[in-house]
Amino acid sequence: MREYKHGHREDSFTCSSCGSPVTPEGAGTRHRNHCPRCLSSVHLDEEPGDRASDCGGTMDAIGVWVRKNGEWAIIHRCRFCGALSSNRIAADDNPTLLMSIAVKPLAMPPFPLGLLEKEIG
């Protein structure tokens, strides 16, 4: 991962998680920072864009959130050190996987759904 230590990913790379070839075309930005197929990234930054991390672990997409301007962003967690980061989605990101991640808390709530009926009734 050292080849990206001093710059942004403006060229092609191979996803460290699914092995897919990733190119900047279709992303809607010059700075591709995650795989559009599986949404995984690599832990390269301590602060956005600084390339200061020596971790290099694979970062899994674990959630999504909506920024003030309505733009979606992916929440990544590093498999190696547990660090969290946020990356804006790209134009060609897998929409099914994005929605699957977004609805996961609704599909798997941290409490029995029967409690909702008791609260309402």
PDB file of N, CA and C in Angstrom:
ATOM      1  N   MET A   1       0.803  -1.194   0.000  1.00  0.00           N
ATOM      2  CA  MET A   1       0.000   0.000   0.000  1.00  0.00           C
ATOM      3  C   MET A   1       0.851   1.267   0.000  1.00  0.00           C
ATOM      4  N   ARG A   2       2.123   1.148   0.104  1.00  0.00           N
ATOM      5  CA  ARG A   2       3.021   2.285   0.160  1.00  0.00           C
ATOM      6  C   ARG A   2       2.954   3.160  -1.086  1.00  0.00           C
ATOM      7  N   GLU A   3       2.558   2.590  -2.242  1.00  0.00           N
ATOM      8  CA  GLU A   3       2.546   3.385  -3.459  1.00  0.00           C
ATOM      9  C   GLU A   3       1.567   4.555  -3.384  1.00  0.00           C
ATOM     10  N   TYR A   4       0.620   4.512  -2.460  1.00  0.00           N
ATOM     11  CA  TYR A   4      -0.348   5.592  -2.318  1.00  0.00           C
ATOM     12  C   TYR A   4      -0.048   6.477  -1.114  1.00  0.00           C
ATOM     13  N   LYS A   5       1.100   6.310  -0.509  1.00  0.00           N
ATOM     14  CA  LYS A   5       1.449   7.020   0.714  1.00  0.00           C
ATOM     15  C   LYS A   5       1.460   8.532   0.531  1.00  0.00           C
ATOM     16  N   HIS A   6       1.822   9.012  -0.640  1.00  0.00           N
ATOM     17  CA  HIS A   6       1.962  10.457  -0.827  1.00  0.00           C
ATOM     18  C   HIS A   6       0.991  11.042  -1.842  1.00  0.00           C
ATOM     19  N   GLY A   7      -0.109  10.372  -2.096  1.00  0.00           N
ATOM     20  CA  GLY A   7      -1.052  10.921  -3.048  1.00  0.00           C
ATOM     21  C   GLY A   7      -2.382  10.213  -2.965  1.00  0.00           C
ATOM     22  N   HIS A   8      -3.315  10.647  -3.788  1.00  0.00           N
ATOM     23  CA  HIS A   8      -4.631  10.044  -3.846  1.00  0.00           C
ATOM     24  C   HIS A   8      -4.627   8.938  -4.885  1.00  0.00           C
ATOM     25  N   ARG A   9      -5.584   8.060  -4.789  1.00  0.00           N
ATOM     26  CA  ARG A   9      -5.710   6.987  -5.767  1.00  0.00           C
ATOM     27  C   ARG A   9      -6.366   7.538  -7.023  1.00  0.00           C
ATOM     28  N   GLU A  10      -5.564   8.015  -7.932  1.00  0.00           N
ATOM     29  CA  GLU A  10      -6.075   8.553  -9.184  1.00  0.00           C
ATOM     30  C   GLU A  10      -5.908   7.549 -10.313  1.00  0.00           C
ATOM     31  N   ASP A  11      -5.322   6.389 -10.017  1.00  0.00           N
ATOM     32  CA  ASP A  11      -5.120   5.383 -11.042  1.00  0.00           C
ATOM     33  C   ASP A  11      -5.827   4.091 -10.625  1.00  0.00           C
ATOM     34  N   SER A  12      -5.646   3.058 -11.378  1.00  0.00           N
ATOM     35  CA  SER A  12      -6.295   1.779 -11.123  1.00  0.00           C
ATOM     36  C   SER A  12      -5.594   1.034  -9.998  1.00  0.00           C
ATOM     37  N   PHE A  13      -6.353   0.171  -9.316  1.00  0.00           N
ATOM     38  CA  PHE A  13      -5.795  -0.695  -8.284  1.00  0.00           C
ATOM     39  C   PHE A  13      -6.650  -1.951  -8.186  1.00  0.00           C
ATOM     40  N   THR A  14      -6.169  -2.934  -7.473  1.00  0.00           N
ATOM     41  CA  THR A  14      -6.900  -4.172  -7.245  1.00  0.00           C
ATOM     42  C   THR A  14      -7.436  -4.139  -5.823  1.00  0.00           C
ATOM     43  N   CYS A  15      -8.720  -4.432  -5.658  1.00  0.00           N
ATOM     44  CA  CYS A  15      -9.346  -4.414  -4.339  1.00  0.00           C
ATOM     45  C   CYS A  15      -8.697  -5.471  -3.444  1.00  0.00           C
ATOM     46  N   SER A  16      -8.296  -5.062  -2.239  1.00  0.00           N
ATOM     47  CA  SER A  16      -7.656  -5.990  -1.304  1.00  0.00           C
ATOM     48  C   SER A  16      -8.649  -6.959  -0.677  1.00  0.00           C
ATOM     49  N   SER A  17      -9.940  -6.712  -0.845  1.00  0.00           N
ATOM     50  CA  SER A  17     -10.951  -7.586  -0.260  1.00  0.00           C
ATOM     51  C   SER A  17     -11.517  -8.589  -1.258  1.00  0.00           C
ATOM     52  N   CYS A  18     -12.013  -8.098  -2.402  1.00  0.00           N
ATOM     53  CA  CYS A  18     -12.663  -9.000  -3.365  1.00  0.00           C
ATOM     54  C   CYS A  18     -11.809  -9.302  -4.586  1.00  0.00           C
ATOM     55  N   GLY A  19     -10.685  -8.592  -4.746  1.00  0.00           N
ATOM     56  CA  GLY A  19      -9.787  -8.839  -5.866  1.00  0.00           C
ATOM     57  C   GLY A  19     -10.210  -8.229  -7.187  1.00  0.00           C
ATOM     58  N   SER A  20     -11.270  -7.427  -7.178  1.00  0.00           N
ATOM     59  CA  SER A  20     -11.742  -6.798  -8.416  1.00  0.00           C
ATOM     60  C   SER A  20     -10.796  -5.692  -8.862  1.00  0.00           C
ATOM     61  N   PRO A  21     -10.620  -5.552 -10.183  1.00  0.00           N
ATOM     62  CA  PRO A  21      -9.869  -4.400 -10.674  1.00  0.00           C
ATOM     63  C   PRO A  21     -10.733  -3.147 -10.516  1.00  0.00           C
ATOM     64  N   VAL A  22     -10.145  -2.060 -10.027  1.00  0.00           N
ATOM     65  CA  VAL A  22     -10.878  -0.821  -9.774  1.00  0.00           C
ATOM     66  C   VAL A  22     -10.204   0.297 -10.557  1.00  0.00           C
ATOM     67  N   THR A  23     -10.996   1.022 -11.338  1.00  0.00           N
ATOM     68  CA  THR A  23     -10.483   2.140 -12.124  1.00  0.00           C
ATOM     69  C   THR A  23     -11.225   3.413 -11.715  1.00  0.00           C
ATOM     70  N   PRO A  24     -10.635   4.584 -11.953  1.00  0.00           N
ATOM     71  CA  PRO A  24     -11.307   5.828 -11.575  1.00  0.00           C
ATOM     72  C   PRO A  24     -12.501   6.171 -12.466  1.00  0.00           C
ATOM     73  N   GLU A  25     -12.569   5.594 -13.655  1.00  0.00           N
ATOM     74  CA  GLU A  25     -13.672   5.882 -14.565  1.00  0.00           C
ATOM     75  C   GLU A  25     -14.990   5.463 -13.931  1.00  0.00           C
ATOM     76  N   GLY A  26     -15.985   6.340 -14.018  1.00  0.00           N
ATOM     77  CA  GLY A  26     -17.314   6.047 -13.507  1.00  0.00           C
ATOM     78  C   GLY A  26     -17.538   6.467 -12.069  1.00  0.00           C
ATOM     79  N   ALA A  27     -16.485   6.852 -11.356  1.00  0.00           N
ATOM     80  CA  ALA A  27     -16.621   7.203  -9.946  1.00  0.00           C
ATOM     81  C   ALA A  27     -17.245   8.578  -9.737  1.00  0.00           C
ATOM     82  N   GLY A  28     -17.114   9.455 -10.727  1.00  0.00           N
ATOM     83  CA  GLY A  28     -17.621  10.810 -10.563  1.00  0.00           C
ATOM     84  C   GLY A  28     -16.647  11.707  -9.812  1.00  0.00           C
ATOM     85  N   THR A  29     -15.439  11.220  -9.589  1.00  0.00           N
ATOM     86  CA  THR A  29     -14.399  11.967  -8.895  1.00  0.00           C
ATOM     87  C   THR A  29     -13.040  11.450  -9.349  1.00  0.00           C
ATOM     88  N   ARG A  30     -11.999  12.242  -9.184  1.00  0.00           N
ATOM     89  CA  ARG A  30     -10.649  11.787  -9.535  1.00  0.00           C
ATOM     90  C   ARG A  30     -10.044  10.936  -8.433  1.00  0.00           C
ATOM     91  N   HIS A  31     -10.627  10.992  -7.240  1.00  0.00           N
ATOM     92  CA  HIS A  31     -10.021  10.347  -6.082  1.00  0.00           C
ATOM     93  C   HIS A  31     -10.813   9.121  -5.639  1.00  0.00           C
ATOM     94  N   ARG A  32     -10.575   8.026  -6.272  1.00  0.00           N
ATOM     95  CA  ARG A  32     -11.237   6.761  -5.924  1.00  0.00           C
ATOM     96  C   ARG A  32     -10.583   6.218  -4.661  1.00  0.00           C
ATOM     97  N   ASN A  33     -11.367   5.953  -3.612  1.00  0.00           N
ATOM     98  CA  ASN A  33     -10.772   5.465  -2.374  1.00  0.00           C
ATOM     99  C   ASN A  33     -11.385   4.171  -1.856  1.00  0.00           C
ATOM    100  N   HIS A  34     -12.275   3.572  -2.625  1.00  0.00           N
ATOM    101  CA  HIS A  34     -12.836   2.291  -2.224  1.00  0.00           C
ATOM    102  C   HIS A  34     -13.337   1.546  -3.457  1.00  0.00           C
ATOM    103  N   CYS A  35     -13.557   0.259  -3.291  1.00  0.00           N
ATOM    104  CA  CYS A  35     -14.024  -0.593  -4.379  1.00  0.00           C
ATOM    105  C   CYS A  35     -15.516  -0.379  -4.609  1.00  0.00           C
ATOM    106  N   PRO A  36     -15.941  -0.122  -5.846  1.00  0.00           N
ATOM    107  CA  PRO A  36     -17.360   0.085  -6.105  1.00  0.00           C
ATOM    108  C   PRO A  36     -18.174  -1.216  -6.027  1.00  0.00           C
ATOM    109  N   ARG A  37     -17.491  -2.344  -6.109  1.00  0.00           N
ATOM    110  CA  ARG A  37     -18.187  -3.635  -6.090  1.00  0.00           C
ATOM    111  C   ARG A  37     -18.515  -4.088  -4.669  1.00  0.00           C
ATOM    112  N   CYS A  38     -17.500  -4.121  -3.772  1.00  0.00           N
ATOM    113  CA  CYS A  38     -17.722  -4.603  -2.402  1.00  0.00           C
ATOM    114  C   CYS A  38     -17.673  -3.479  -1.372  1.00  0.00           C
ATOM    115  N   LEU A  39     -17.319  -2.272  -1.787  1.00  0.00           N
ATOM    116  CA  LEU A  39     -17.248  -1.054  -0.980  1.00  0.00           C
ATOM    117  C   LEU A  39     -16.102  -1.043   0.036  1.00  0.00           C
ATOM    118  N   SER A  40     -15.187  -2.008  -0.035  1.00  0.00           N
ATOM    119  CA  SER A  40     -14.048  -2.050   0.878  1.00  0.00           C
ATOM    120  C   SER A  40     -13.010  -0.999   0.503  1.00  0.00           C
ATOM    121  N   SER A  41     -12.222  -0.629   1.494  1.00  0.00           N
ATOM    122  CA  SER A  41     -11.168   0.369   1.320  1.00  0.00           C
ATOM    123  C   SER A  41      -9.900  -0.164   1.985  1.00  0.00           C
ATOM    124  N   VAL A  42      -8.874   0.661   2.035  1.00  0.00           N
ATOM    125  CA  VAL A  42      -7.620   0.306   2.702  1.00  0.00           C
ATOM    126  C   VAL A  42      -7.293   1.412   3.697  1.00  0.00           C
ATOM    127  N   HIS A  43      -6.842   1.039   4.881  1.00  0.00           N
ATOM    128  CA  HIS A  43      -6.514   2.011   5.920  1.00  0.00           C
ATOM    129  C   HIS A  43      -5.192   2.695   5.577  1.00  0.00           C
ATOM    130  N   LEU A  44      -5.293   3.864   4.940  1.00  0.00           N
ATOM    131  CA  LEU A  44      -4.126   4.639   4.528  1.00  0.00           C
ATOM    132  C   LEU A  44      -3.980   5.947   5.283  1.00  0.00           C
ATOM    133  N   ASP A  45      -5.090   6.494   5.777  1.00  0.00           N
ATOM    134  CA  ASP A  45      -5.082   7.834   6.372  1.00  0.00           C
ATOM    135  C   ASP A  45      -5.306   7.808   7.876  1.00  0.00           C
ATOM    136  N   GLU A  46      -4.671   8.771   8.566  1.00  0.00           N
ATOM    137  CA  GLU A  46      -5.018   9.075   9.954  1.00  0.00           C
ATOM    138  C   GLU A  46      -6.071  10.185   9.931  1.00  0.00           C
ATOM    139  N   GLU A  47      -5.829  11.198   9.115  1.00  0.00           N
ATOM    140  CA  GLU A  47      -6.774  12.274   8.828  1.00  0.00           C
ATOM    141  C   GLU A  47      -7.050  12.195   7.329  1.00  0.00           C
ATOM    142  N   PRO A  48      -8.257  12.562   6.872  1.00  0.00           N
ATOM    143  CA  PRO A  48      -8.579  12.424   5.461  1.00  0.00           C
ATOM    144  C   PRO A  48      -7.515  13.003   4.529  1.00  0.00           C
ATOM    145  N   GLY A  49      -6.990  12.136   3.661  1.00  0.00           N
ATOM    146  CA  GLY A  49      -6.032  12.552   2.644  1.00  0.00           C
ATOM    147  C   GLY A  49      -4.583  12.642   3.062  1.00  0.00           C
ATOM    148  N   ASP A  50      -4.263  12.389   4.333  1.00  0.00           N
ATOM    149  CA  ASP A  50      -2.877  12.592   4.766  1.00  0.00           C
ATOM    150  C   ASP A  50      -1.938  11.422   4.459  1.00  0.00           C
ATOM    151  N   ARG A  51      -2.474  10.243   4.184  1.00  0.00           N
ATOM    152  CA  ARG A  51      -1.683   9.034   3.895  1.00  0.00           C
ATOM    153  C   ARG A  51      -0.653   8.764   4.993  1.00  0.00           C
ATOM    154  N   ALA A  52      -1.001   9.073   6.257  1.00  0.00           N
ATOM    155  CA  ALA A  52      -0.075   8.950   7.379  1.00  0.00           C
ATOM    156  C   ALA A  52      -0.171   7.617   8.121  1.00  0.00           C
ATOM    157  N   SER A  53      -1.142   6.783   7.797  1.00  0.00           N
ATOM    158  CA  SER A  53      -1.297   5.525   8.524  1.00  0.00           C
ATOM    159  C   SER A  53      -0.324   4.476   8.004  1.00  0.00           C
ATOM    160  N   ASP A  54       0.284   3.760   8.916  1.00  0.00           N
ATOM    161  CA  ASP A  54       1.142   2.636   8.554  1.00  0.00           C
ATOM    162  C   ASP A  54       0.402   1.314   8.681  1.00  0.00           C
ATOM    163  N   CYS A  55      -0.889   1.344   9.022  1.00  0.00           N
ATOM    164  CA  CYS A  55      -1.678   0.136   9.253  1.00  0.00           C
ATOM    165  C   CYS A  55      -1.814  -0.699   7.978  1.00  0.00           C
ATOM    166  N   GLY A  56      -2.442  -0.132   6.951  1.00  0.00           N
ATOM    167  CA  GLY A  56      -2.625  -0.827   5.683  1.00  0.00           C
ATOM    168  C   GLY A  56      -3.668  -1.920   5.696  1.00  0.00           C
ATOM    169  N   GLY A  57      -4.458  -2.010   6.782  1.00  0.00           N
ATOM    170  CA  GLY A  57      -5.490  -3.043   6.871  1.00  0.00           C
ATOM    171  C   GLY A  57      -6.650  -2.797   5.928  1.00  0.00           C
ATOM    172  N   THR A  58      -7.375  -3.854   5.603  1.00  0.00           N
ATOM    173  CA  THR A  58      -8.586  -3.731   4.797  1.00  0.00           C
ATOM    174  C   THR A  58      -9.686  -3.125   5.654  1.00  0.00           C
ATOM    175  N   MET A  59     -10.410  -2.174   5.075  1.00  0.00           N
ATOM    176  CA  MET A  59     -11.502  -1.518   5.783  1.00  0.00           C
ATOM    177  C   MET A  59     -12.830  -1.952   5.176  1.00  0.00           C
ATOM    178  N   ASP A  60     -13.693  -2.507   6.018  1.00  0.00           N
ATOM    179  CA  ASP A  60     -15.008  -2.991   5.587  1.00  0.00           C
ATOM    180  C   ASP A  60     -16.050  -1.896   5.721  1.00  0.00           C
ATOM    181  N   ALA A  61     -16.971  -1.850   4.766  1.00  0.00           N
ATOM    182  CA  ALA A  61     -18.106  -0.932   4.835  1.00  0.00           C
ATOM    183  C   ALA A  61     -19.086  -1.495   5.863  1.00  0.00           C
ATOM    184  N   ILE A  62     -19.310  -0.745   6.943  1.00  0.00           N
ATOM    185  CA  ILE A  62     -20.187  -1.241   8.014  1.00  0.00           C
ATOM    186  C   ILE A  62     -21.449  -0.412   8.190  1.00  0.00           C
ATOM    187  N   GLY A  63     -21.522   0.734   7.529  1.00  0.00           N
ATOM    188  CA  GLY A  63     -22.693   1.584   7.656  1.00  0.00           C
ATOM    189  C   GLY A  63     -22.663   2.704   6.646  1.00  0.00           C
ATOM    190  N   VAL A  64     -23.766   3.424   6.577  1.00  0.00           N
ATOM    191  CA  VAL A  64     -23.846   4.623   5.743  1.00  0.00           C
ATOM    192  C   VAL A  64     -24.484   5.724   6.577  1.00  0.00           C
ATOM    193  N   TRP A  65     -24.187   6.948   6.225  1.00  0.00           N
ATOM    194  CA  TRP A  65     -24.838   8.078   6.855  1.00  0.00           C
ATOM    195  C   TRP A  65     -25.055   9.157   5.818  1.00  0.00           C
ATOM    196  N   VAL A  66     -25.923  10.106   6.110  1.00  0.00           N
ATOM    197  CA  VAL A  66     -26.245  11.176   5.173  1.00  0.00           C
ATOM    198  C   VAL A  66     -25.683  12.487   5.733  1.00  0.00           C
ATOM    199  N   ARG A  67     -24.842  13.133   4.943  1.00  0.00           N
ATOM    200  CA  ARG A  67     -24.252  14.407   5.339  1.00  0.00           C
ATOM    201  C   ARG A  67     -25.285  15.525   5.264  1.00  0.00           C
ATOM    202  N   LYS A  68     -24.949  16.680   5.825  1.00  0.00           N
ATOM    203  CA  LYS A  68     -25.881  17.818   5.854  1.00  0.00           C
ATOM    204  C   LYS A  68     -26.404  18.183   4.477  1.00  0.00           C
ATOM    205  N   ASN A  69     -25.552  18.035   3.463  1.00  0.00           N
ATOM    206  CA  ASN A  69     -25.948  18.416   2.106  1.00  0.00           C
ATOM    207  C   ASN A  69     -26.733  17.314   1.391  1.00  0.00           C
ATOM    208  N   GLY A  70     -27.041  16.218   2.087  1.00  0.00           N
ATOM    209  CA  GLY A  70     -27.812  15.127   1.509  1.00  0.00           C
ATOM    210  C   GLY A  70     -26.965  14.045   0.856  1.00  0.00           C
ATOM    211  N   GLU A  71     -25.657  14.280   0.782  1.00  0.00           N
ATOM    212  CA  GLU A  71     -24.751  13.302   0.176  1.00  0.00           C
ATOM    213  C   GLU A  71     -24.553  12.113   1.124  1.00  0.00           C
ATOM    214  N   TRP A  72     -24.563  10.912   0.563  1.00  0.00           N
ATOM    215  CA  TRP A  72     -24.322   9.708   1.353  1.00  0.00           C
ATOM    216  C   TRP A  72     -22.825   9.486   1.519  1.00  0.00           C
ATOM    217  N   ALA A  73     -22.449   8.900   2.637  1.00  0.00           N
ATOM    218  CA  ALA A  73     -21.067   8.521   2.902  1.00  0.00           C
ATOM    219  C   ALA A  73     -21.059   7.131   3.532  1.00  0.00           C
ATOM    220  N   ILE A  74     -19.991   6.403   3.275  1.00  0.00           N
ATOM    221  CA  ILE A  74     -19.824   5.051   3.804  1.00  0.00           C
ATOM    222  C   ILE A  74     -18.963   5.119   5.062  1.00  0.00           C
ATOM    223  N   ILE A  75     -19.367   4.394   6.081  1.00  0.00           N
ATOM    224  CA  ILE A  75     -18.556   4.258   7.293  1.00  0.00           C
ATOM    225  C   ILE A  75     -17.754   2.970   7.155  1.00  0.00           C
ATOM    226  N   HIS A  76     -16.430   3.094   7.239  1.00  0.00           N
ATOM    227  CA  HIS A  76     -15.532   1.942   7.146  1.00  0.00           C
ATOM    228  C   HIS A  76     -14.894   1.653   8.507  1.00  0.00           C
ATOM    229  N   ARG A  77     -14.682   0.348   8.785  1.00  0.00           N
ATOM    230  CA  ARG A  77     -13.947  -0.071   9.983  1.00  0.00           C
ATOM    231  C   ARG A  77     -12.796  -0.964   9.558  1.00  0.00           C
ATOM    232  N   CYS A  78     -11.599  -0.680  10.064  1.00  0.00           N
ATOM    233  CA  CYS A  78     -10.403  -1.452   9.726  1.00  0.00           C
ATOM    234  C   CYS A  78     -10.448  -2.821  10.402  1.00  0.00           C
ATOM    235  N   ARG A  79     -10.230  -3.870   9.616  1.00  0.00           N
ATOM    236  CA  ARG A  79     -10.198  -5.237  10.150  1.00  0.00           C
ATOM    237  C   ARG A  79      -9.034  -5.445  11.106  1.00  0.00           C
ATOM    238  N   PHE A  80      -7.945  -4.717  10.912  1.00  0.00           N
ATOM    239  CA  PHE A  80      -6.736  -4.927  11.701  1.00  0.00           C
ATOM    240  C   PHE A  80      -6.745  -4.154  13.017  1.00  0.00           C
ATOM    241  N   CYS A  81      -6.977  -2.835  12.935  1.00  0.00           N
ATOM    242  CA  CYS A  81      -6.861  -2.010  14.149  1.00  0.00           C
ATOM    243  C   CYS A  81      -8.187  -1.468  14.664  1.00  0.00           C
ATOM    244  N   GLY A  82      -9.277  -1.625  13.898  1.00  0.00           N
ATOM    245  CA  GLY A  82     -10.587  -1.169  14.345  1.00  0.00           C
ATOM    246  C   GLY A  82     -10.890   0.294  14.095  1.00  0.00           C
ATOM    247  N   ALA A  83      -9.977   1.031  13.467  1.00  0.00           N
ATOM    248  CA  ALA A  83     -10.202   2.460  13.191  1.00  0.00           C
ATOM    249  C   ALA A  83     -11.436   2.647  12.318  1.00  0.00           C
ATOM    250  N   LEU A  84     -12.147   3.743  12.550  1.00  0.00           N
ATOM    251  CA  LEU A  84     -13.321   4.093  11.759  1.00  0.00           C
ATOM    252  C   LEU A  84     -13.001   5.289  10.870  1.00  0.00           C
ATOM    253  N   SER A  85     -13.595   5.312   9.682  1.00  0.00           N
ATOM    254  CA  SER A  85     -13.459   6.461   8.789  1.00  0.00           C
ATOM    255  C   SER A  85     -14.722   6.594   7.962  1.00  0.00           C
ATOM    256  N   SER A  86     -14.847   7.721   7.304  1.00  0.00           N
ATOM    257  CA  SER A  86     -16.002   8.001   6.462  1.00  0.00           C
ATOM    258  C   SER A  86     -15.521   8.420   5.084  1.00  0.00           C
ATOM    259  N   ASN A  87     -16.130   7.856   4.048  1.00  0.00           N
ATOM    260  CA  ASN A  87     -15.804   8.203   2.666  1.00  0.00           C
ATOM    261  C   ASN A  87     -17.092   8.447   1.900  1.00  0.00           C
ATOM    262  N   ARG A  88     -17.110   9.508   1.108  1.00  0.00           N
ATOM    263  CA  ARG A  88     -18.294   9.774   0.297  1.00  0.00           C
ATOM    264  C   ARG A  88     -18.485   8.644  -0.702  1.00  0.00           C
ATOM    265  N   ILE A  89     -19.738   8.379  -1.043  1.00  0.00           N
ATOM    266  CA  ILE A  89     -19.980   7.340  -2.032  1.00  0.00           C
ATOM    267  C   ILE A  89     -19.558   7.849  -3.397  1.00  0.00           C
ATOM    268  N   ALA A  90     -19.336   6.915  -4.304  1.00  0.00           N
ATOM    269  CA  ALA A  90     -18.981   7.256  -5.683  1.00  0.00           C
ATOM    270  C   ALA A  90     -20.173   6.942  -6.580  1.00  0.00           C
ATOM    271  N   ALA A  91     -20.195   7.538  -7.741  1.00  0.00           N
ATOM    272  CA  ALA A  91     -21.323   7.410  -8.660  1.00  0.00           C
ATOM    273  C   ALA A  91     -21.581   5.969  -9.078  1.00  0.00           C
ATOM    274  N   ASP A  92     -20.532   5.149  -9.126  1.00  0.00           N
ATOM    275  CA  ASP A  92     -20.705   3.776  -9.605  1.00  0.00           C
ATOM    276  C   ASP A  92     -20.692   2.736  -8.483  1.00  0.00           C
ATOM    277  N   ASP A  93     -20.876   3.160  -7.242  1.00  0.00           N
ATOM    278  CA  ASP A  93     -20.931   2.205  -6.130  1.00  0.00           C
ATOM    279  C   ASP A  93     -22.141   1.280  -6.272  1.00  0.00           C
ATOM    280  N   ASN A  94     -21.989   0.071  -5.790  1.00  0.00           N
ATOM    281  CA  ASN A  94     -23.017  -0.961  -5.847  1.00  0.00           C
ATOM    282  C   ASN A  94     -24.255  -0.501  -5.062  1.00  0.00           C
ATOM    283  N   PRO A  95     -25.351  -0.116  -5.763  1.00  0.00           N
ATOM    284  CA  PRO A  95     -26.520   0.426  -5.063  1.00  0.00           C
ATOM    285  C   PRO A  95     -27.219  -0.603  -4.182  1.00  0.00           C
ATOM    286  N   THR A  96     -27.218  -1.863  -4.595  1.00  0.00           N
ATOM    287  CA  THR A  96     -27.852  -2.906  -3.792  1.00  0.00           C
ATOM    288  C   THR A  96     -27.115  -3.091  -2.474  1.00  0.00           C
ATOM    289  N   LEU A  97     -25.790  -3.094  -2.530  1.00  0.00           N
ATOM    290  CA  LEU A  97     -25.000  -3.250  -1.315  1.00  0.00           C
ATOM    291  C   LEU A  97     -25.145  -2.021  -0.407  1.00  0.00           C
ATOM    292  N   LEU A  98     -25.168  -0.828  -0.990  1.00  0.00           N
ATOM    293  CA  LEU A  98     -25.385   0.380  -0.192  1.00  0.00           C
ATOM    294  C   LEU A  98     -26.718   0.322   0.555  1.00  0.00           C
ATOM    295  N   MET A  99     -27.781  -0.073  -0.141  1.00  0.00           N
ATOM    296  CA  MET A  99     -29.101  -0.165   0.504  1.00  0.00           C
ATOM    297  C   MET A  99     -29.127  -1.271   1.551  1.00  0.00           C
ATOM    298  N   SER A 100     -28.467  -2.376   1.267  1.00  0.00           N
ATOM    299  CA  SER A 100     -28.408  -3.481   2.215  1.00  0.00           C
ATOM    300  C   SER A 100     -27.750  -3.042   3.520  1.00  0.00           C
ATOM    301  N   ILE A 101     -26.678  -2.265   3.412  1.00  0.00           N
ATOM    302  CA  ILE A 101     -25.995  -1.751   4.597  1.00  0.00           C
ATOM    303  C   ILE A 101     -26.887  -0.739   5.317  1.00  0.00           C
ATOM    304  N   ALA A 102     -27.594   0.097   4.555  1.00  0.00           N
ATOM    305  CA  ALA A 102     -28.434   1.139   5.145  1.00  0.00           C
ATOM    306  C   ALA A 102     -29.596   0.569   5.941  1.00  0.00           C
ATOM    307  N   VAL A 103     -30.191  -0.510   5.479  1.00  0.00           N
ATOM    308  CA  VAL A 103     -31.375  -1.059   6.158  1.00  0.00           C
ATOM    309  C   VAL A 103     -31.047  -2.123   7.200  1.00  0.00           C
ATOM    310  N   LYS A 104     -29.796  -2.487   7.325  1.00  0.00           N
ATOM    311  CA  LYS A 104     -29.410  -3.533   8.283  1.00  0.00           C
ATOM    312  C   LYS A 104     -29.899  -3.245   9.705  1.00  0.00           C
ATOM    313  N   PRO A 105     -29.758  -2.014  10.220  1.00  0.00           N
ATOM    314  CA  PRO A 105     -30.267  -1.766  11.576  1.00  0.00           C
ATOM    315  C   PRO A 105     -31.777  -1.982  11.705  1.00  0.00           C
ATOM    316  N   LEU A 106     -32.521  -1.747  10.626  1.00  0.00           N
ATOM    317  CA  LEU A 106     -33.964  -1.972  10.670  1.00  0.00           C
ATOM    318  C   LEU A 106     -34.301  -3.457  10.607  1.00  0.00           C
ATOM    319  N   ALA A 107     -33.510  -4.211   9.847  1.00  0.00           N
ATOM    320  CA  ALA A 107     -33.745  -5.639   9.694  1.00  0.00           C
ATOM    321  C   ALA A 107     -33.272  -6.434  10.913  1.00  0.00           C
ATOM    322  N   MET A 108     -32.289  -5.866  11.644  1.00  0.00           N
ATOM    323  CA  MET A 108     -31.731  -6.561  12.806  1.00  0.00           C
ATOM    324  C   MET A 108     -31.671  -5.597  13.997  1.00  0.00           C
ATOM    325  N   PRO A 109     -32.839  -5.192  14.516  1.00  0.00           N
ATOM    326  CA  PRO A 109     -32.825  -4.217  15.612  1.00  0.00           C
ATOM    327  C   PRO A 109     -32.192  -4.811  16.870  1.00  0.00           C
ATOM    328  N   PRO A 110     -31.651  -3.958  17.735  1.00  0.00           N
ATOM    329  CA  PRO A 110     -30.988  -4.428  18.948  1.00  0.00           C
ATOM    330  C   PRO A 110     -31.954  -4.781  20.080  1.00  0.00           C
ATOM    331  N   PHE A 111     -33.239  -4.848  19.759  1.00  0.00           N
ATOM    332  CA  PHE A 111     -34.262  -5.172  20.756  1.00  0.00           C
ATOM    333  C   PHE A 111     -35.340  -6.005  20.064  1.00  0.00           C
ATOM    334  N   PRO A 112     -36.111  -6.786  20.813  1.00  0.00           N
ATOM    335  CA  PRO A 112     -37.195  -7.570  20.203  1.00  0.00           C
ATOM    336  C   PRO A 112     -38.263  -6.645  19.617  1.00  0.00           C
ATOM    337  N   LEU A 113     -38.703  -6.934  18.401  1.00  0.00           N
ATOM    338  CA  LEU A 113     -39.712  -6.091  17.753  1.00  0.00           C
ATOM    339  C   LEU A 113     -41.025  -6.073  18.522  1.00  0.00           C
ATOM    340  N   GLY A 114     -41.284  -7.096  19.297  1.00  0.00           N
ATOM    341  CA  GLY A 114     -42.495  -7.135  20.114  1.00  0.00           C
ATOM    342  C   GLY A 114     -42.579  -5.984  21.097  1.00  0.00           C
ATOM    343  N   LEU A 115     -41.442  -5.434  21.485  1.00  0.00           N
ATOM    344  CA  LEU A 115     -41.449  -4.285  22.396  1.00  0.00           C
ATOM    345  C   LEU A 115     -42.095  -3.064  21.763  1.00  0.00           C
ATOM    346  N   LEU A 116     -42.014  -2.935  20.440  1.00  0.00           N
ATOM    347  CA  LEU A 116     -42.638  -1.797  19.758  1.00  0.00           C
ATOM    348  C   LEU A 116     -44.147  -1.840  19.920  1.00  0.00           C
ATOM    349  N   GLU A 117     -44.723  -3.018  19.821  1.00  0.00           N
ATOM    350  CA  GLU A 117     -46.182  -3.166  19.980  1.00  0.00           C
ATOM    351  C   GLU A 117     -46.604  -2.746  21.371  1.00  0.00           C
ATOM    352  N   LYS A 118     -45.847  -3.101  22.397  1.00  0.00           N
ATOM    353  CA  LYS A 118     -46.182  -2.742  23.774  1.00  0.00           C
ATOM    354  C   LYS A 118     -46.099  -1.237  23.977  1.00  0.00           C
ATOM    355  N   GLU A 119     -45.128  -0.569  23.343  1.00  0.00           N
ATOM    356  CA  GLU A 119     -44.967   0.870  23.473  1.00  0.00           C
ATOM    357  C   GLU A 119     -46.101   1.607  22.778  1.00  0.00           C
ATOM    358  N   ILE A 120     -46.542   1.112  21.629  1.00  0.00           N
ATOM    359  CA  ILE A 120     -47.586   1.770  20.841  1.00  0.00           C
ATOM    360  C   ILE A 120     -48.948   1.538  21.472  1.00  0.00           C
ATOM    361  N   GLY A 121     -49.188   0.320  21.888  1.00  0.00           N
ATOM    362  CA  GLY A 121     -50.505  -0.084  22.400  1.00  0.00           C
ATOM    363  C   GLY A 121     -50.747   0.327  23.756  1.00  0.00           C
TER     364      GLY A 121
END
